Amino acid sequence: MNATTDQGDAYGFKARWMAEKNREAADAARVAYNFPPSVREERVNYYLAEADRWDALADQGQQGDTP
């Protein structure tokens, strides 16, 4: 069993990391020439939307419980 001591930032650092990974996936999807251009564009848009979603979660986590 692996124990972790990183119990802190559930929505901050990890969410930012996920956002960055989705941006990297979007960059890779732009040059995935095994897909037609319309599918490439759809994949890029999906990954960028996911990155925005993770950024919003990170921002929410940094603000705490205040709206």
PDB file of N, CA and C in Angstrom:
ATOM      1  N   MET A   1       0.844  -1.174   0.000  1.00  0.00           N
ATOM      2  CA  MET A   1       0.000   0.000   0.000  1.00  0.00           C
ATOM      3  C   MET A   1       0.892   1.240   0.000  1.00  0.00           C
ATOM      4  N   ASN A   2       0.582   2.132  -0.871  1.00  0.00           N
ATOM      5  CA  ASN A   2       1.343   3.374  -0.960  1.00  0.00           C
ATOM      6  C   ASN A   2       0.633   4.465  -0.180  1.00  0.00           C
ATOM      7  N   ALA A   3       1.313   5.024   0.767  1.00  0.00           N
ATOM      8  CA  ALA A   3       0.753   6.138   1.538  1.00  0.00           C
ATOM      9  C   ALA A   3       1.273   7.439   0.942  1.00  0.00           C
ATOM     10  N   THR A   4       0.421   8.417   0.920  1.00  0.00           N
ATOM     11  CA  THR A   4       0.835   9.712   0.418  1.00  0.00           C
ATOM     12  C   THR A   4       0.678  10.755   1.513  1.00  0.00           C
ATOM     13  N   THR A   5       1.568  11.689   1.521  1.00  0.00           N
ATOM     14  CA  THR A   5       1.468  12.783   2.477  1.00  0.00           C
ATOM     15  C   THR A   5       0.913  14.027   1.806  1.00  0.00           C
ATOM     16  N   ASP A   6       0.599  13.939   0.520  1.00  0.00           N
ATOM     17  CA  ASP A   6       0.073  15.075  -0.225  1.00  0.00           C
ATOM     18  C   ASP A   6      -1.452  15.087  -0.129  1.00  0.00           C
ATOM     19  N   GLN A   7      -1.962  15.490   1.016  1.00  0.00           N
ATOM     20  CA  GLN A   7      -3.401  15.508   1.236  1.00  0.00           C
ATOM     21  C   GLN A   7      -3.984  16.905   1.070  1.00  0.00           C
ATOM     22  N   GLY A   8      -3.144  17.868   0.763  1.00  0.00           N
ATOM     23  CA  GLY A   8      -3.582  19.253   0.767  1.00  0.00           C
ATOM     24  C   GLY A   8      -4.423  19.665  -0.412  1.00  0.00           C
ATOM     25  N   ASP A   9      -3.852  20.286  -1.342  1.00  0.00           N
ATOM     26  CA  ASP A   9      -4.462  21.040  -2.412  1.00  0.00           C
ATOM     27  C   ASP A   9      -5.239  20.169  -3.397  1.00  0.00           C
ATOM     28  N   ALA A  10      -6.437  19.776  -3.051  1.00  0.00           N
ATOM     29  CA  ALA A  10      -7.218  18.883  -3.899  1.00  0.00           C
ATOM     30  C   ALA A  10      -7.675  19.564  -5.181  1.00  0.00           C
ATOM     31  N   TYR A  11      -7.953  20.854  -5.148  1.00  0.00           N
ATOM     32  CA  TYR A  11      -8.460  21.532  -6.335  1.00  0.00           C
ATOM     33  C   TYR A  11      -7.497  22.568  -6.902  1.00  0.00           C
ATOM     34  N   GLY A  12      -6.360  22.735  -6.308  1.00  0.00           N
ATOM     35  CA  GLY A  12      -5.435  23.756  -6.798  1.00  0.00           C
ATOM     36  C   GLY A  12      -4.385  23.181  -7.708  1.00  0.00           C
ATOM     37  N   PHE A  13      -3.321  22.664  -7.142  1.00  0.00           N
ATOM     38  CA  PHE A  13      -2.189  22.192  -7.922  1.00  0.00           C
ATOM     39  C   PHE A  13      -2.590  21.093  -8.890  1.00  0.00           C
ATOM     40  N   LYS A  14      -3.320  20.105  -8.425  1.00  0.00           N
ATOM     41  CA  LYS A  14      -3.680  18.986  -9.287  1.00  0.00           C
ATOM     42  C   LYS A  14      -4.600  19.434 -10.422  1.00  0.00           C
ATOM     43  N   ALA A  15      -5.489  20.364 -10.144  1.00  0.00           N
ATOM     44  CA  ALA A  15      -6.365  20.878 -11.191  1.00  0.00           C
ATOM     45  C   ALA A  15      -5.549  21.651 -12.222  1.00  0.00           C
ATOM     46  N   ARG A  16      -4.584  22.431 -11.771  1.00  0.00           N
ATOM     47  CA  ARG A  16      -3.724  23.164 -12.714  1.00  0.00           C
ATOM     48  C   ARG A  16      -2.912  22.187 -13.557  1.00  0.00           C
ATOM     49  N   TRP A  17      -2.449  21.117 -12.928  1.00  0.00           N
ATOM     50  CA  TRP A  17      -1.684  20.108 -13.643  1.00  0.00           C
ATOM     51  C   TRP A  17      -2.554  19.445 -14.713  1.00  0.00           C
ATOM     52  N   MET A  18      -3.791  19.121 -14.357  1.00  0.00           N
ATOM     53  CA  MET A  18      -4.706  18.518 -15.324  1.00  0.00           C
ATOM     54  C   MET A  18      -5.018  19.485 -16.468  1.00  0.00           C
ATOM     55  N   ALA A  19      -5.158  20.755 -16.159  1.00  0.00           N
ATOM     56  CA  ALA A  19      -5.404  21.750 -17.197  1.00  0.00           C
ATOM     57  C   ALA A  19      -4.228  21.796 -18.169  1.00  0.00           C
ATOM     58  N   GLU A  20      -3.024  21.779 -17.635  1.00  0.00           N
ATOM     59  CA  GLU A  20      -1.832  21.799 -18.485  1.00  0.00           C
ATOM     60  C   GLU A  20      -1.763  20.546 -19.356  1.00  0.00           C
ATOM     61  N   LYS A  21      -2.078  19.385 -18.786  1.00  0.00           N
ATOM     62  CA  LYS A  21      -2.056  18.138 -19.558  1.00  0.00           C
ATOM     63  C   LYS A  21      -3.094  18.162 -20.671  1.00  0.00           C
ATOM     64  N   ASN A  22      -4.244  18.779 -20.426  1.00  0.00           N
ATOM     65  CA  ASN A  22      -5.257  18.885 -21.474  1.00  0.00           C
ATOM     66  C   ASN A  22      -4.812  19.843 -22.572  1.00  0.00           C
ATOM     67  N   ARG A  23      -4.082  20.887 -22.208  1.00  0.00           N
ATOM     68  CA  ARG A  23      -3.539  21.785 -23.244  1.00  0.00           C
ATOM     69  C   ARG A  23      -2.492  21.062 -24.093  1.00  0.00           C
ATOM     70  N   GLU A  24      -1.685  20.229 -23.447  1.00  0.00           N
ATOM     71  CA  GLU A  24      -0.712  19.427 -24.201  1.00  0.00           C
ATOM     72  C   GLU A  24      -1.423  18.452 -25.132  1.00  0.00           C
ATOM     73  N   ALA A  25      -2.511  17.869 -24.671  1.00  0.00           N
ATOM     74  CA  ALA A  25      -3.279  16.957 -25.513  1.00  0.00           C
ATOM     75  C   ALA A  25      -3.888  17.708 -26.695  1.00  0.00           C
ATOM     76  N   ALA A  26      -4.311  18.939 -26.479  1.00  0.00           N
ATOM     77  CA  ALA A  26      -4.850  19.751 -27.570  1.00  0.00           C
ATOM     78  C   ALA A  26      -3.766  20.032 -28.605  1.00  0.00           C
ATOM     79  N   ASP A  27      -2.561  20.324 -28.152  1.00  0.00           N
ATOM     80  CA  ASP A  27      -1.455  20.543 -29.086  1.00  0.00           C
ATOM     81  C   ASP A  27      -1.174  19.287 -29.901  1.00  0.00           C
ATOM     82  N   ALA A  28      -1.216  18.140 -29.254  1.00  0.00           N
ATOM     83  CA  ALA A  28      -0.989  16.881 -29.963  1.00  0.00           C
ATOM     84  C   ALA A  28      -2.126  16.600 -30.940  1.00  0.00           C
ATOM     85  N   ALA A  29      -3.354  16.932 -30.550  1.00  0.00           N
ATOM     86  CA  ALA A  29      -4.506  16.688 -31.424  1.00  0.00           C
ATOM     87  C   ALA A  29      -4.445  17.564 -32.677  1.00  0.00           C
ATOM     88  N   ARG A  30      -3.825  18.733 -32.565  1.00  0.00           N
ATOM     89  CA  ARG A  30      -3.708  19.615 -33.740  1.00  0.00           C
ATOM     90  C   ARG A  30      -2.886  18.984 -34.858  1.00  0.00           C
ATOM     91  N   VAL A  31      -1.935  18.158 -34.486  1.00  0.00           N
ATOM     92  CA  VAL A  31      -1.039  17.570 -35.496  1.00  0.00           C
ATOM     93  C   VAL A  31      -1.268  16.070 -35.668  1.00  0.00           C
ATOM     94  N   ALA A  32      -2.407  15.575 -35.215  1.00  0.00           N
ATOM     95  CA  ALA A  32      -2.734  14.154 -35.376  1.00  0.00           C
ATOM     96  C   ALA A  32      -3.351  13.976 -36.765  1.00  0.00           C
ATOM     97  N   TYR A  33      -2.494  13.831 -37.755  1.00  0.00           N
ATOM     98  CA  TYR A  33      -2.948  13.810 -39.141  1.00  0.00           C
ATOM     99  C   TYR A  33      -3.622  12.507 -39.538  1.00  0.00           C
ATOM    100  N   ASN A  34      -3.712  11.558 -38.617  1.00  0.00           N
ATOM    101  CA  ASN A  34      -4.456  10.346 -38.901  1.00  0.00           C
ATOM    102  C   ASN A  34      -5.961  10.571 -38.751  1.00  0.00           C
ATOM    103  N   PHE A  35      -6.367  11.770 -38.326  1.00  0.00           N
ATOM    104  CA  PHE A  35      -7.771  12.137 -38.240  1.00  0.00           C
ATOM    105  C   PHE A  35      -8.083  13.184 -39.305  1.00  0.00           C
ATOM    106  N   PRO A  36      -9.301  13.183 -39.822  1.00  0.00           N
ATOM    107  CA  PRO A  36      -9.683  14.252 -40.765  1.00  0.00           C
ATOM    108  C   PRO A  36      -9.703  15.605 -40.047  1.00  0.00           C
ATOM    109  N   PRO A  37      -9.572  16.692 -40.800  1.00  0.00           N
ATOM    110  CA  PRO A  37      -9.507  18.023 -40.175  1.00  0.00           C
ATOM    111  C   PRO A  37     -10.683  18.331 -39.248  1.00  0.00           C
ATOM    112  N   SER A  38     -11.884  17.922 -39.594  1.00  0.00           N
ATOM    113  CA  SER A  38     -13.037  18.222 -38.740  1.00  0.00           C
ATOM    114  C   SER A  38     -12.929  17.503 -37.398  1.00  0.00           C
ATOM    115  N   VAL A  39     -12.444  16.277 -37.399  1.00  0.00           N
ATOM    116  CA  VAL A  39     -12.288  15.520 -36.161  1.00  0.00           C
ATOM    117  C   VAL A  39     -11.149  16.108 -35.333  1.00  0.00           C
ATOM    118  N   ARG A  40     -10.065  16.507 -36.000  1.00  0.00           N
ATOM    119  CA  ARG A  40      -8.958  17.147 -35.273  1.00  0.00           C
ATOM    120  C   ARG A  40      -9.449  18.387 -34.547  1.00  0.00           C
ATOM    121  N   GLU A  41     -10.216  19.217 -35.249  1.00  0.00           N
ATOM    122  CA  GLU A  41     -10.742  20.449 -34.651  1.00  0.00           C
ATOM    123  C   GLU A  41     -11.650  20.125 -33.458  1.00  0.00           C
ATOM    124  N   GLU A  42     -12.474  19.105 -33.607  1.00  0.00           N
ATOM    125  CA  GLU A  42     -13.366  18.700 -32.518  1.00  0.00           C
ATOM    126  C   GLU A  42     -12.573  18.241 -31.300  1.00  0.00           C
ATOM    127  N   ARG A  43     -11.521  17.482 -31.530  1.00  0.00           N
ATOM    128  CA  ARG A  43     -10.684  17.004 -30.433  1.00  0.00           C
ATOM    129  C   ARG A  43      -9.960  18.156 -29.745  1.00  0.00           C
ATOM    130  N   VAL A  44      -9.434  19.091 -30.529  1.00  0.00           N
ATOM    131  CA  VAL A  44      -8.753  20.260 -29.959  1.00  0.00           C
ATOM    132  C   VAL A  44      -9.724  21.045 -29.080  1.00  0.00           C
ATOM    133  N   ASN A  45     -10.925  21.281 -29.597  1.00  0.00           N
ATOM    134  CA  ASN A  45     -11.917  22.032 -28.827  1.00  0.00           C
ATOM    135  C   ASN A  45     -12.286  21.313 -27.530  1.00  0.00           C
ATOM    136  N   TYR A  46     -12.398  19.997 -27.595  1.00  0.00           N
ATOM    137  CA  TYR A  46     -12.715  19.221 -26.396  1.00  0.00           C
ATOM    138  C   TYR A  46     -11.624  19.385 -25.333  1.00  0.00           C
ATOM    139  N   TYR A  47     -10.373  19.204 -25.736  1.00  0.00           N
ATOM    140  CA  TYR A  47      -9.277  19.296 -24.770  1.00  0.00           C
ATOM    141  C   TYR A  47      -9.149  20.705 -24.192  1.00  0.00           C
ATOM    142  N   LEU A  48      -9.369  21.713 -25.013  1.00  0.00           N
ATOM    143  CA  LEU A  48      -9.296  23.085 -24.501  1.00  0.00           C
ATOM    144  C   LEU A  48     -10.445  23.379 -23.544  1.00  0.00           C
ATOM    145  N   ALA A  49     -11.622  22.831 -23.821  1.00  0.00           N
ATOM    146  CA  ALA A  49     -12.758  23.005 -22.901  1.00  0.00           C
ATOM    147  C   ALA A  49     -12.473  22.311 -21.571  1.00  0.00           C
ATOM    148  N   GLU A  50     -11.864  21.146 -21.632  1.00  0.00           N
ATOM    149  CA  GLU A  50     -11.496  20.447 -20.398  1.00  0.00           C
ATOM    150  C   GLU A  50     -10.455  21.251 -19.620  1.00  0.00           C
ATOM    151  N   ALA A  51      -9.501  21.841 -20.308  1.00  0.00           N
ATOM    152  CA  ALA A  51      -8.491  22.669 -19.642  1.00  0.00           C
ATOM    153  C   ALA A  51      -9.161  23.847 -18.940  1.00  0.00           C
ATOM    154  N   ASP A  52     -10.118  24.477 -19.606  1.00  0.00           N
ATOM    155  CA  ASP A  52     -10.846  25.587 -18.983  1.00  0.00           C
ATOM    156  C   ASP A  52     -11.623  25.125 -17.756  1.00  0.00           C
ATOM    157  N   ARG A  53     -12.212  23.935 -17.851  1.00  0.00           N
ATOM    158  CA  ARG A  53     -12.964  23.395 -16.723  1.00  0.00           C
ATOM    159  C   ARG A  53     -12.043  23.150 -15.529  1.00  0.00           C
ATOM    160  N   TRP A  54     -10.863  22.574 -15.782  1.00  0.00           N
ATOM    161  CA  TRP A  54      -9.911  22.326 -14.688  1.00  0.00           C
ATOM    162  C   TRP A  54      -9.401  23.636 -14.098  1.00  0.00           C
ATOM    163  N   ASP A  55      -9.172  24.639 -14.955  1.00  0.00           N
ATOM    164  CA  ASP A  55      -8.751  25.946 -14.442  1.00  0.00           C
ATOM    165  C   ASP A  55      -9.826  26.555 -13.544  1.00  0.00           C
ATOM    166  N   ALA A  56     -11.085  26.410 -13.939  1.00  0.00           N
ATOM    167  CA  ALA A  56     -12.185  26.938 -13.125  1.00  0.00           C
ATOM    168  C   ALA A  56     -12.236  26.231 -11.774  1.00  0.00           C
ATOM    169  N   LEU A  57     -12.010  24.926 -11.765  1.00  0.00           N
ATOM    170  CA  LEU A  57     -11.979  24.193 -10.493  1.00  0.00           C
ATOM    171  C   LEU A  57     -10.826  24.668  -9.619  1.00  0.00           C
ATOM    172  N   ALA A  58      -9.680  24.915 -10.233  1.00  0.00           N
ATOM    173  CA  ALA A  58      -8.531  25.403  -9.477  1.00  0.00           C
ATOM    174  C   ALA A  58      -8.816  26.783  -8.908  1.00  0.00           C
ATOM    175  N   ASP A  59      -9.439  27.651  -9.698  1.00  0.00           N
ATOM    176  CA  ASP A  59      -9.785  28.986  -9.214  1.00  0.00           C
ATOM    177  C   ASP A  59     -10.782  28.903  -8.065  1.00  0.00           C
ATOM    178  N   GLN A  60     -11.736  28.000  -8.182  1.00  0.00           N
ATOM    179  CA  GLN A  60     -12.725  27.808  -7.129  1.00  0.00           C
ATOM    180  C   GLN A  60     -12.054  27.319  -5.847  1.00  0.00           C
ATOM    181  N   GLY A  61     -11.091  26.434  -5.975  1.00  0.00           N
ATOM    182  CA  GLY A  61     -10.387  25.914  -4.812  1.00  0.00           C
ATOM    183  C   GLY A  61      -9.535  26.964  -4.136  1.00  0.00           C
ATOM    184  N   GLN A  62      -8.995  27.908  -4.907  1.00  0.00           N
ATOM    185  CA  GLN A  62      -8.170  28.954  -4.326  1.00  0.00           C
ATOM    186  C   GLN A  62      -9.011  29.987  -3.587  1.00  0.00           C
ATOM    187  N   GLN A  63     -10.253  30.157  -4.012  1.00  0.00           N
ATOM    188  CA  GLN A  63     -11.121  31.141  -3.372  1.00  0.00           C
ATOM    189  C   GLN A  63     -11.745  30.615  -2.090  1.00  0.00           C
ATOM    190  N   GLY A  64     -11.678  29.339  -1.893  1.00  0.00           N
ATOM    191  CA  GLY A  64     -12.305  28.759  -0.703  1.00  0.00           C
ATOM    192  C   GLY A  64     -13.799  28.598  -0.915  1.00  0.00           C
ATOM    193  N   ASP A  65     -14.551  28.754   0.125  1.00  0.00           N
ATOM    194  CA  ASP A  65     -15.999  28.558   0.052  1.00  0.00           C
ATOM    195  C   ASP A  65     -16.758  29.831  -0.246  1.00  0.00           C
ATOM    196  N   THR A  66     -16.077  30.946  -0.393  1.00  0.00           N
ATOM    197  CA  THR A  66     -16.782  32.196  -0.662  1.00  0.00           C
ATOM    198  C   THR A  66     -17.154  32.256  -2.128  1.00  0.00           C
ATOM    199  N   PRO A  67     -18.395  32.639  -2.446  1.00  0.00           N
ATOM    200  CA  PRO A  67     -18.829  32.711  -3.855  1.00  0.00           C
ATOM    201  C   PRO A  67     -18.222  33.865  -4.601  1.00  0.00           C
TER     202      PRO A  67
END
